């Protein structure tokens, strides 16, 4: 039987992922601490804790992948026009407004993907919190099960 106390704990586990706005990696540390201290109290709390932590680890993995993909494009665009033998490099800087680089479109796409992912993450966390408050199970989309 799921009590109101168990519902509140599960809800706080999901909402504790917003601790990342207070301290680094708070989105992983806070729910992990809440889950470890309360997982024996109820299967409901255990299930929601695992879901929240798995989702945060999945998001971290996706951010690392997107960031790793952006680094070569950023480095290439940064060093593309750099000539080591040209000591008067800053004397003839020109900006082409008519034709942006294809790298601009690639990095812009990755940036939009990251922003969309951030918005979806917030929506999924709020949805999971509401489901936990109502005593329902919730499975985050796009989640890799690291903890089973």
C-alpha atoms as a PDB file:
ATOM      1  CA  UNK A   1       0.000   0.000   0.000  1.00  0.00           C
ATOM      2  CA  UNK A   2       1.295   3.420  -0.961  1.00  0.00           C
ATOM      3  CA  UNK A   3       0.897   5.976   1.805  1.00  0.00           C
ATOM      4  CA  UNK A   4       0.986   9.739   1.512  1.00  0.00           C
ATOM      5  CA  UNK A   5       4.437   9.706   3.091  1.00  0.00           C
ATOM      6  CA  UNK A   6       5.747   7.404   0.335  1.00  0.00           C
ATOM      7  CA  UNK A   7       4.134   9.599  -2.319  1.00  0.00           C
ATOM      8  CA  UNK A   8       5.792  12.676  -0.835  1.00  0.00           C
ATOM      9  CA  UNK A   9       9.211  11.025  -0.702  1.00  0.00           C
ATOM     10  CA  UNK A  10       8.917   9.887  -4.336  1.00  0.00           C
ATOM     11  CA  UNK A  11       7.800  13.376  -5.364  1.00  0.00           C
ATOM     12  CA  UNK A  12      10.746  14.966  -3.534  1.00  0.00           C
ATOM     13  CA  UNK A  13      13.144  12.542  -5.203  1.00  0.00           C
ATOM     14  CA  UNK A  14      12.001  13.758  -8.615  1.00  0.00           C
ATOM     15  CA  UNK A  15      11.973  17.418  -7.587  1.00  0.00           C
ATOM     16  CA  UNK A  16      15.412  17.135  -5.980  1.00  0.00           C
ATOM     17  CA  UNK A  17      16.898  16.917  -9.471  1.00  0.00           C
ATOM     18  CA  UNK A  18      16.456  20.701  -9.619  1.00  0.00           C
ATOM     19  CA  UNK A  19      19.254  20.918  -7.026  1.00  0.00           C
ATOM     20  CA  UNK A  20      21.611  21.298  -9.983  1.00  0.00           C
ATOM     21  CA  UNK A  21      20.682  24.960  -9.979  1.00  0.00           C
ATOM     22  CA  UNK A  22      22.057  25.219  -6.430  1.00  0.00           C
ATOM     23  CA  UNK A  23      25.255  23.130  -6.598  1.00  0.00           C
ATOM     24  CA  UNK A  24      27.109  21.180  -9.311  1.00  0.00           C
ATOM     25  CA  UNK A  25      25.878  17.642  -9.944  1.00  0.00           C
ATOM     26  CA  UNK A  26      23.007  18.287  -7.541  1.00  0.00           C
ATOM     27  CA  UNK A  27      20.699  16.639 -10.048  1.00  0.00           C
ATOM     28  CA  UNK A  28      22.473  13.340  -9.357  1.00  0.00           C
ATOM     29  CA  UNK A  29      23.619  13.705  -5.747  1.00  0.00           C
ATOM     30  CA  UNK A  30      20.336  14.906  -4.191  1.00  0.00           C
ATOM     31  CA  UNK A  31      18.046  12.188  -5.624  1.00  0.00           C
ATOM     32  CA  UNK A  32      20.722   9.557  -4.972  1.00  0.00           C
ATOM     33  CA  UNK A  33      20.914  10.490  -1.283  1.00  0.00           C
ATOM     34  CA  UNK A  34      17.111  10.574  -0.941  1.00  0.00           C
ATOM     35  CA  UNK A  35      16.741   7.254  -2.736  1.00  0.00           C
ATOM     36  CA  UNK A  36      19.467   5.457  -0.753  1.00  0.00           C
ATOM     37  CA  UNK A  37      18.047   6.618   2.576  1.00  0.00           C
ATOM     38  CA  UNK A  38      14.438   5.725   1.712  1.00  0.00           C
ATOM     39  CA  UNK A  39      14.498   2.794  -0.720  1.00  0.00           C
ATOM     40  CA  UNK A  40      13.793   0.176   1.971  1.00  0.00           C
ATOM     41  CA  UNK A  41      10.596   1.933   3.061  1.00  0.00           C
ATOM     42  CA  UNK A  42       8.587   1.091  -0.043  1.00  0.00           C
ATOM     43  CA  UNK A  43       8.798  -0.460  -3.481  1.00  0.00           C
ATOM     44  CA  UNK A  44       7.047   2.654  -4.774  1.00  0.00           C
ATOM     45  CA  UNK A  45       9.846   4.911  -3.482  1.00  0.00           C
ATOM     46  CA  UNK A  46      12.470   2.472  -4.772  1.00  0.00           C
ATOM     47  CA  UNK A  47      10.964   2.434  -8.267  1.00  0.00           C
ATOM     48  CA  UNK A  48      10.650   6.215  -8.510  1.00  0.00           C
ATOM     49  CA  UNK A  49      14.152   6.730  -7.130  1.00  0.00           C
ATOM     50  CA  UNK A  50      15.655   4.390  -9.711  1.00  0.00           C
ATOM     51  CA  UNK A  51      13.733   6.109 -12.487  1.00  0.00           C
ATOM     52  CA  UNK A  52      14.889   9.581 -11.432  1.00  0.00           C
ATOM     53  CA  UNK A  53      18.539   8.551 -11.094  1.00  0.00           C
ATOM     54  CA  UNK A  54      18.583   6.583 -14.348  1.00  0.00           C
ATOM     55  CA  UNK A  55      17.073   9.557 -16.162  1.00  0.00           C
ATOM     56  CA  UNK A  56      19.691  11.934 -14.772  1.00  0.00           C
ATOM     57  CA  UNK A  57      22.535   9.591 -15.716  1.00  0.00           C
ATOM     58  CA  UNK A  58      21.031   9.265 -19.207  1.00  0.00           C
ATOM     59  CA  UNK A  59      20.812  13.046 -19.562  1.00  0.00           C
ATOM     60  CA  UNK A  60      24.436  13.358 -18.426  1.00  0.00           C
ATOM     61  CA  UNK A  61      25.491  10.806 -21.048  1.00  0.00           C
ATOM     62  CA  UNK A  62      23.553  12.624 -23.786  1.00  0.00           C
ATOM     63  CA  UNK A  63      25.133  15.967 -22.817  1.00  0.00           C
ATOM     64  CA  UNK A  64      28.611  14.432 -22.931  1.00  0.00           C
ATOM     65  CA  UNK A  65      27.920  12.989 -26.384  1.00  0.00           C
ATOM     66  CA  UNK A  66      26.553  16.277 -27.786  1.00  0.00           C
ATOM     67  CA  UNK A  67      29.435  18.217 -26.231  1.00  0.00           C
ATOM     68  CA  UNK A  68      31.984  15.800 -27.666  1.00  0.00           C
ATOM     69  CA  UNK A  69      30.440  16.158 -31.109  1.00  0.00           C
ATOM     70  CA  UNK A  70      30.587  19.972 -30.898  1.00  0.00           C
ATOM     71  CA  UNK A  71      34.250  20.238 -29.853  1.00  0.00           C
ATOM     72  CA  UNK A  72      35.751  19.320 -33.266  1.00  0.00           C
ATOM     73  CA  UNK A  73      33.407  21.696 -35.089  1.00  0.00           C
ATOM     74  CA  UNK A  74      34.230  24.522 -32.689  1.00  0.00           C
ATOM     75  CA  UNK A  75      37.982  23.894 -32.906  1.00  0.00           C
ATOM     76  CA  UNK A  76      37.872  23.667 -36.705  1.00  0.00           C
ATOM     77  CA  UNK A  77      35.938  26.922 -37.031  1.00  0.00           C
ATOM     78  CA  UNK A  78      38.249  28.633 -34.532  1.00  0.00           C
ATOM     79  CA  UNK A  79      41.488  27.592 -36.236  1.00  0.00           C
ATOM     80  CA  UNK A  80      40.187  27.536 -39.819  1.00  0.00           C
ATOM     81  CA  UNK A  81      41.476  30.976 -40.811  1.00  0.00           C
ATOM     82  CA  UNK A  82      44.471  31.136 -38.484  1.00  0.00           C
ATOM     83  CA  UNK A  83      47.763  31.497 -40.288  1.00  0.00           C
ATOM     84  CA  UNK A  84      50.722  30.972 -37.982  1.00  0.00           C
ATOM     85  CA  UNK A  85      53.171  32.758 -40.307  1.00  0.00           C
ATOM     86  CA  UNK A  86      50.996  35.869 -40.633  1.00  0.00           C
ATOM     87  CA  UNK A  87      51.995  38.304 -37.896  1.00  0.00           C
ATOM     88  CA  UNK A  88      49.598  40.983 -39.092  1.00  0.00           C
ATOM     89  CA  UNK A  89      46.582  38.772 -38.656  1.00  0.00           C
ATOM     90  CA  UNK A  90      44.386  41.402 -37.018  1.00  0.00           C
ATOM     91  CA  UNK A  91      45.007  44.101 -39.620  1.00  0.00           C
ATOM     92  CA  UNK A  92      42.585  42.721 -42.202  1.00  0.00           C
ATOM     93  CA  UNK A  93      39.689  41.155 -40.338  1.00  0.00           C
ATOM     94  CA  UNK A  94      36.596  40.806 -42.473  1.00  0.00           C
ATOM     95  CA  UNK A  95      33.191  39.466 -41.555  1.00  0.00           C
ATOM     96  CA  UNK A  96      31.088  37.817 -44.222  1.00  0.00           C
ATOM     97  CA  UNK A  97      27.425  38.362 -43.466  1.00  0.00           C
ATOM     98  CA  UNK A  98      26.127  36.961 -46.745  1.00  0.00           C
ATOM     99  CA  UNK A  99      27.411  33.408 -46.456  1.00  0.00           C
ATOM    100  CA  UNK A 100      27.778  31.860 -43.001  1.00  0.00           C
ATOM    101  CA  UNK A 101      29.914  28.799 -42.620  1.00  0.00           C
ATOM    102  CA  UNK A 102      28.291  25.344 -42.706  1.00  0.00           C
ATOM    103  CA  UNK A 103      29.843  24.828 -39.268  1.00  0.00           C
ATOM    104  CA  UNK A 104      27.561  27.610 -38.029  1.00  0.00           C
ATOM    105  CA  UNK A 105      24.550  25.542 -39.046  1.00  0.00           C
ATOM    106  CA  UNK A 106      25.928  22.360 -37.484  1.00  0.00           C
ATOM    107  CA  UNK A 107      26.764  24.005 -34.144  1.00  0.00           C
ATOM    108  CA  UNK A 108      23.458  25.881 -34.240  1.00  0.00           C
ATOM    109  CA  UNK A 109      21.622  22.600 -34.705  1.00  0.00           C
ATOM    110  CA  UNK A 110      23.441  21.058 -31.741  1.00  0.00           C
ATOM    111  CA  UNK A 111      22.635  24.133 -29.650  1.00  0.00           C
ATOM    112  CA  UNK A 112      18.944  23.975 -30.535  1.00  0.00           C
ATOM    113  CA  UNK A 113      18.965  20.261 -29.766  1.00  0.00           C
ATOM    114  CA  UNK A 114      20.476  20.960 -26.350  1.00  0.00           C
ATOM    115  CA  UNK A 115      17.903  23.679 -25.592  1.00  0.00           C
ATOM    116  CA  UNK A 116      15.048  21.416 -26.667  1.00  0.00           C
ATOM    117  CA  UNK A 117      16.465  18.615 -24.521  1.00  0.00           C
ATOM    118  CA  UNK A 118      16.667  20.923 -21.503  1.00  0.00           C
ATOM    119  CA  UNK A 119      13.038  22.000 -21.905  1.00  0.00           C
ATOM    120  CA  UNK A 120      11.890  18.399 -22.345  1.00  0.00           C
ATOM    121  CA  UNK A 121      13.875  17.351 -19.280  1.00  0.00           C
ATOM    122  CA  UNK A 122      12.077  19.919 -17.131  1.00  0.00           C
ATOM    123  CA  UNK A 123       8.695  18.834 -18.518  1.00  0.00           C
ATOM    124  CA  UNK A 124       9.474  15.151 -17.850  1.00  0.00           C
ATOM    125  CA  UNK A 125      10.613  15.866 -14.281  1.00  0.00           C
ATOM    126  CA  UNK A 126       7.462  17.844 -13.498  1.00  0.00           C
ATOM    127  CA  UNK A 127       5.304  15.132 -15.060  1.00  0.00           C
ATOM    128  CA  UNK A 128       7.071  12.433 -13.015  1.00  0.00           C
ATOM    129  CA  UNK A 129       6.603  14.483  -9.845  1.00  0.00           C
ATOM    130  CA  UNK A 130       2.895  14.828 -10.498  1.00  0.00           C
ATOM    131  CA  UNK A 131       2.553  11.102 -11.171  1.00  0.00           C
ATOM    132  CA  UNK A 132       4.413  10.296  -7.943  1.00  0.00           C
ATOM    133  CA  UNK A 133       2.189  12.688  -6.017  1.00  0.00           C
ATOM    134  CA  UNK A 134      -0.863  10.858  -7.367  1.00  0.00           C
ATOM    135  CA  UNK A 135       0.598   7.452  -6.489  1.00  0.00           C
ATOM    136  CA  UNK A 136       1.137   6.335 -10.071  1.00  0.00           C
ATOM    137  CA  UNK A 137       4.235   4.777 -11.609  1.00  0.00           C
ATOM    138  CA  UNK A 138       6.153   6.773 -14.185  1.00  0.00           C
ATOM    139  CA  UNK A 139       8.805   5.748 -16.680  1.00  0.00           C
ATOM    140  CA  UNK A 140      10.926   8.522 -18.139  1.00  0.00           C
ATOM    141  CA  UNK A 141      11.282   8.436 -21.926  1.00  0.00           C
ATOM    142  CA  UNK A 142      14.758   8.138 -23.488  1.00  0.00           C
ATOM    143  CA  UNK A 143      16.141   6.555 -20.312  1.00  0.00           C
ATOM    144  CA  UNK A 144      18.914   3.996 -20.162  1.00  0.00           C
ATOM    145  CA  UNK A 145      18.537   1.673 -17.184  1.00  0.00           C
ATOM    146  CA  UNK A 146      21.844   1.915 -15.355  1.00  0.00           C
ATOM    147  CA  UNK A 147      20.273   0.863 -12.032  1.00  0.00           C
ATOM    148  CA  UNK A 148      17.816  -2.005 -12.288  1.00  0.00           C
END
